[in-house]
Amino acid sequence: MTGSAPRLDANQRQIFAALADVLVPEAQGMPAASAVGIAEALLDRVLELRPELAIDLVRAIASVSPDEPASSAAERLNRDDPAAMGAVGLVALAAYYMHPEVRRRLGYPGQTQRPILPAEEDDFRQDGLIDVVIARGPIYRPTPT
């Protein structure tokens, strides 16, 4: 990992997975968050990409006692520390949607290159959406040299 993103221990990962399962339970043919291993390498990858989320995430995890039901903890965090619960949600969902099986079940292949078709080349000009900008003419601020 880079920067200030911490390595979470097994207990912290277990608490994170339980909170994530409250947000992303198994439903309608989709696996629960913990079922795709979001608390392992995917969690590390998200924190590597977004290390600034670690502070709120770790605070959320630290506030959950081992015997507290995850659903109660999630409700309490959402009420008392929305920034911490927001970090849990963002990290959990980012990790979940990074998993290849989740993307496969959703029919999402990931970002793919698609060339512009000739018929689409000037589609931004349709319906006069940018006529005001074109009529205004070019404006810019010179950059310092």
Protein backbone atom coordinates (compact mmCIF):
# COMPACT_ATOMS: atom_id res chain seq x y z
CA MET A 1 0.00 0.00 0.00
CA THR A 2 1.00 3.58 -0.45
CA GLY A 3 0.84 6.63 1.77
CA SER A 4 -1.02 6.51 5.05
CA ALA A 5 -3.37 3.63 4.27
CA PRO A 6 -3.08 1.22 7.21
CA ARG A 7 -2.91 -2.57 7.13
CA LEU A 8 -6.02 -3.84 8.86
CA ASP A 9 -5.78 -6.90 11.08
CA ALA A 10 -8.05 -9.95 10.85
CA ASN A 11 -10.46 -8.67 13.53
CA GLN A 12 -10.83 -5.28 11.81
CA ARG A 13 -11.45 -7.01 8.49
CA GLN A 14 -14.11 -9.22 10.08
CA ILE A 15 -15.92 -6.19 11.51
CA PHE A 16 -15.69 -4.41 8.14
CA ALA A 17 -17.12 -7.47 6.35
CA ALA A 18 -20.02 -7.65 8.81
CA LEU A 19 -20.84 -3.96 8.33
CA ALA A 20 -20.54 -4.37 4.56
CA ASP A 21 -23.01 -7.29 4.66
CA VAL A 22 -25.57 -4.97 6.27
CA LEU A 23 -25.20 -2.66 3.27
CA VAL A 24 -24.85 -5.38 0.63
CA PRO A 25 -26.69 -8.52 1.73
CA GLU A 26 -27.22 -11.53 -0.48
CA ALA A 27 -30.29 -10.76 -2.58
CA GLN A 28 -31.84 -11.39 -5.98
CA GLY A 29 -29.06 -13.67 -7.19
CA MET A 30 -26.26 -11.37 -6.05
CA PRO A 31 -23.79 -12.47 -3.38
CA ALA A 32 -23.35 -10.69 -0.07
CA ALA A 33 -20.36 -8.39 0.20
CA SER A 34 -18.40 -10.77 2.42
CA ALA A 35 -19.10 -13.70 0.08
CA VAL A 36 -16.87 -12.16 -2.59
CA GLY A 37 -14.03 -11.44 -0.16
CA ILE A 38 -14.30 -7.66 -0.04
CA ALA A 39 -12.46 -7.56 3.28
CA GLU A 40 -9.25 -8.99 1.82
CA ALA A 41 -7.29 -7.88 -1.26
CA LEU A 42 -10.16 -5.77 -2.61
CA LEU A 43 -10.26 -3.74 0.61
CA ASP A 44 -6.51 -3.23 0.38
CA ARG A 45 -6.84 -2.14 -3.24
CA VAL A 46 -9.56 0.42 -2.46
CA LEU A 47 -7.50 1.87 0.39
CA GLU A 48 -4.46 1.95 -1.88
CA LEU A 49 -6.45 3.98 -4.40
CA ARG A 50 -8.22 6.13 -1.81
CA PRO A 51 -6.02 6.29 1.31
CA GLU A 52 -7.88 9.33 2.63
CA LEU A 53 -10.85 7.04 3.40
CA ALA A 54 -8.81 5.02 5.88
CA ILE A 55 -9.14 7.45 8.80
CA ASP A 56 -12.95 7.39 8.80
CA LEU A 57 -13.04 3.67 8.01
CA VAL A 58 -10.73 2.74 10.87
CA ARG A 59 -12.70 5.00 13.23
CA ALA A 60 -15.91 3.21 12.23
CA ILE A 61 -14.38 -0.22 12.74
CA ALA A 62 -12.86 0.78 16.11
CA SER A 63 -16.24 1.91 17.39
CA VAL A 64 -17.81 -1.52 16.90
CA SER A 65 -17.51 -3.96 19.78
CA PRO A 66 -17.10 -7.64 18.89
CA ASP A 67 -20.46 -8.56 20.46
CA GLU A 68 -22.46 -5.72 18.86
CA PRO A 69 -24.71 -6.86 16.01
CA ALA A 70 -23.53 -5.36 12.73
CA SER A 71 -26.99 -4.00 11.91
CA SER A 72 -27.11 -2.10 15.22
CA ALA A 73 -23.58 -0.84 14.71
CA ALA A 74 -24.42 0.36 11.21
CA GLU A 75 -27.52 2.21 12.46
CA ARG A 76 -25.56 3.79 15.31
CA LEU A 77 -22.71 4.84 13.03
CA ASN A 78 -25.12 6.27 10.49
CA ARG A 79 -26.77 8.32 13.23
CA ASP A 80 -23.73 9.32 15.31
CA ASP A 81 -20.85 9.38 12.83
CA PRO A 82 -22.14 9.66 9.26
CA ALA A 83 -18.65 10.35 7.90
CA ALA A 84 -17.39 7.06 9.30
CA MET A 85 -20.41 5.14 8.02
CA GLY A 86 -20.05 6.89 4.67
CA ALA A 87 -16.48 5.63 4.43
CA VAL A 88 -17.64 2.09 5.23
CA GLY A 89 -20.25 2.32 2.49
CA LEU A 90 -17.94 3.80 -0.10
CA VAL A 91 -15.13 1.33 0.54
CA ALA A 92 -17.53 -1.63 0.70
CA LEU A 93 -19.29 -0.75 -2.55
CA ALA A 94 -16.07 0.07 -4.37
CA ALA A 95 -14.57 -3.26 -3.34
CA TYR A 96 -17.78 -5.13 -4.18
CA TYR A 97 -18.06 -3.73 -7.70
CA MET A 98 -14.39 -4.40 -8.35
CA HIS A 99 -14.96 -8.15 -7.95
CA PRO A 100 -15.08 -9.95 -11.32
CA GLU A 101 -17.98 -12.24 -10.33
CA VAL A 102 -20.13 -9.29 -9.26
CA ARG A 103 -19.41 -7.52 -12.55
CA ARG A 104 -20.14 -10.72 -14.48
CA ARG A 105 -23.51 -11.19 -12.77
CA LEU A 106 -24.40 -7.57 -13.48
CA GLY A 107 -23.38 -7.95 -17.11
CA TYR A 108 -20.81 -5.18 -16.74
CA PRO A 109 -17.54 -6.00 -18.48
CA GLY A 110 -15.76 -2.96 -17.10
CA GLN A 111 -14.68 0.02 -19.10
CA THR A 112 -14.18 -0.84 -22.72
CA GLN A 113 -13.03 1.11 -25.71
CA ARG A 114 -15.76 1.92 -28.21
CA PRO A 115 -14.90 3.97 -31.27
CA ILE A 116 -17.20 6.85 -32.18
CA LEU A 117 -19.44 5.98 -35.08
CA PRO A 118 -19.74 8.52 -37.91
CA ALA A 119 -23.42 9.04 -37.09
CA GLU A 120 -22.47 9.98 -33.50
CA GLU A 121 -19.64 12.33 -34.39
CA ASP A 122 -21.59 15.57 -33.93
CA ASP A 123 -24.35 14.31 -31.63
CA PHE A 124 -23.45 16.99 -29.07
CA ARG A 125 -24.75 19.58 -31.54
CA GLN A 126 -28.23 18.07 -31.63
CA ASP A 127 -31.11 20.01 -30.13
CA GLY A 128 -29.03 23.18 -29.89
CA LEU A 129 -27.50 22.19 -26.56
CA ILE A 130 -24.24 24.02 -27.17
CA ASP A 131 -25.45 26.82 -29.47
CA VAL A 132 -24.97 29.42 -26.72
CA VAL A 133 -21.35 28.34 -26.23
CA ILE A 134 -20.64 28.41 -29.97
CA ALA A 135 -22.30 31.83 -30.34
CA ARG A 136 -20.25 33.21 -27.44
CA GLY A 137 -17.02 32.36 -29.23
CA PRO A 138 -13.77 31.19 -27.75
CA ILE A 139 -12.75 32.45 -24.34
CA TYR A 140 -9.70 31.48 -22.39
CA ARG A 141 -7.22 32.65 -19.81
CA PRO A 142 -3.63 32.77 -20.93
CA THR A 143 -1.39 30.45 -18.96
CA PRO A 144 1.70 31.87 -17.32
CA THR A 145 4.92 31.12 -19.13
